[in-house]
Amino acid sequence: MGAVFGIVAAVIALVGLIVALGHVGYLALLNNAAKKRGLSGGTTTDYVNSRWKVAGGTAGVALLGLLLTSGDTVPIDIVGLLLGGGAGIYAKQALDSTRSRFRSLP
């Protein structure tokens, strides 16, 4: 029973890490596009620079959660599941916020 719970916790933490890294990647792409625009992309660059701490923090917490799920005890797996899953949810909300801010309508 403990091994099955550990696997489920690891999968949830891994998904949280992937979402958090997706947020980091989206910010990197947005920053690159804003820098190519030069002076007209200045406000976008400023916004992206203010969001790096959030993206890096969620990725770090999700990684910590994934590392905690490699333990043998169920209570540590629960902590890892909560950290990884919570960081993934927060990163998804931050990503949605960023995407809605810069979504261009045709």
Protein backbone atom coordinates (compact mmCIF):
# COMPACT_ATOMS: atom_id res chain seq x y z
CA MET A 1 0.00 0.00 0.00
CA GLY A 2 2.81 2.40 0.84
CA ALA A 3 4.59 1.75 -2.45
CA VAL A 4 1.46 2.47 -4.46
CA PHE A 5 0.89 5.72 -2.58
CA GLY A 6 4.53 6.66 -3.15
CA ILE A 7 4.16 6.13 -6.90
CA VAL A 8 0.98 8.22 -7.03
CA ALA A 9 2.63 10.98 -4.99
CA ALA A 10 5.66 10.95 -7.28
CA VAL A 11 3.50 11.22 -10.40
CA ILE A 12 1.56 14.16 -8.96
CA ALA A 13 4.77 15.90 -7.91
CA LEU A 14 6.27 15.25 -11.36
CA VAL A 15 3.25 16.79 -13.08
CA GLY A 16 3.54 19.80 -10.76
CA LEU A 17 7.19 20.18 -11.72
CA ILE A 18 6.38 19.96 -15.43
CA VAL A 19 3.73 22.67 -15.09
CA ALA A 20 6.11 24.90 -13.14
CA LEU A 21 8.82 24.43 -15.76
CA GLY A 22 6.25 25.22 -18.43
CA HIS A 23 5.66 28.57 -16.74
CA VAL A 24 9.41 29.23 -16.72
CA GLY A 25 9.62 28.34 -20.40
CA TYR A 26 6.69 30.58 -21.33
CA LEU A 27 8.28 33.51 -19.53
CA ALA A 28 11.56 32.84 -21.35
CA LEU A 29 9.82 32.83 -24.73
CA LEU A 30 7.86 35.97 -23.88
CA ASN A 31 11.02 37.72 -22.72
CA ASN A 32 12.86 36.74 -25.90
CA ALA A 33 10.05 38.06 -28.10
CA ALA A 34 9.87 41.31 -26.11
CA LYS A 35 13.62 41.87 -26.43
CA LYS A 36 13.40 41.41 -30.20
CA ARG A 37 10.85 44.22 -30.35
CA GLY A 38 13.31 46.60 -28.75
CA LEU A 39 11.93 49.67 -27.05
CA SER A 40 8.31 48.78 -27.80
CA GLY A 41 8.66 45.55 -25.78
CA GLY A 42 9.88 47.38 -22.69
CA THR A 43 6.72 47.00 -20.63
CA THR A 44 6.56 43.30 -21.43
CA THR A 45 10.19 42.86 -20.38
CA ASP A 46 9.50 44.67 -17.12
CA TYR A 47 6.51 42.43 -16.43
CA VAL A 48 8.47 39.27 -17.22
CA ASN A 49 11.32 40.38 -14.97
CA SER A 50 8.86 40.82 -12.11
CA ARG A 51 7.50 37.28 -12.60
CA TRP A 52 10.80 35.36 -12.56
CA LYS A 53 10.75 34.97 -8.78
CA VAL A 54 7.29 33.40 -8.86
CA ALA A 55 8.23 31.02 -11.67
CA GLY A 56 11.54 30.03 -10.09
CA GLY A 57 9.98 29.63 -6.67
CA THR A 58 7.24 27.33 -7.87
CA ALA A 59 9.73 25.27 -9.86
CA GLY A 60 11.98 24.96 -6.81
CA VAL A 61 9.14 23.94 -4.50
CA ALA A 62 7.87 21.42 -7.05
CA LEU A 63 11.37 19.94 -7.36
CA LEU A 64 11.61 19.68 -3.57
CA GLY A 65 8.25 17.92 -3.51
CA LEU A 66 9.41 15.45 -6.14
CA LEU A 67 12.60 14.75 -4.21
CA LEU A 68 10.61 14.15 -1.03
CA THR A 69 8.48 11.51 -2.72
CA SER A 70 11.55 9.35 -3.23
CA GLY A 71 11.47 8.46 0.48
CA ASP A 72 10.11 5.24 1.93
CA THR A 73 7.60 6.61 4.41
CA VAL A 74 4.03 7.62 3.66
CA PRO A 75 4.04 10.85 5.75
CA ILE A 76 7.01 12.19 3.77
CA ASP A 77 5.25 11.16 0.54
CA ILE A 78 2.21 13.17 1.64
CA VAL A 79 4.37 16.25 2.22
CA GLY A 80 5.99 15.79 -1.18
CA LEU A 81 2.60 15.34 -2.82
CA LEU A 82 1.27 18.52 -1.22
CA LEU A 83 4.35 20.55 -2.10
CA GLY A 84 4.60 19.31 -5.69
CA GLY A 85 0.88 19.45 -6.39
CA GLY A 86 0.42 22.82 -4.70
CA ALA A 87 3.32 24.35 -6.59
CA GLY A 88 1.91 22.99 -9.84
CA ILE A 89 -1.50 24.48 -9.15
CA TYR A 90 0.00 27.86 -8.25
CA ALA A 91 2.24 27.79 -11.36
CA LYS A 92 -0.79 26.99 -13.54
CA GLN A 93 -2.68 29.96 -12.11
CA ALA A 94 0.34 32.24 -12.64
CA LEU A 95 0.74 30.95 -16.21
CA ASP A 96 -2.94 31.55 -16.96
CA SER A 97 -2.65 35.06 -15.55
CA THR A 98 0.34 35.83 -17.74
CA ARG A 99 -1.25 34.32 -20.83
CA SER A 100 -4.50 36.25 -20.36
CA ARG A 101 -2.54 39.49 -19.95
CA PHE A 102 -0.68 39.07 -23.25
CA ARG A 103 -3.26 37.22 -25.31
CA SER A 104 -3.66 38.94 -28.64
CA LEU A 105 -7.04 38.81 -30.29
CA PRO A 106 -7.18 38.75 -34.10
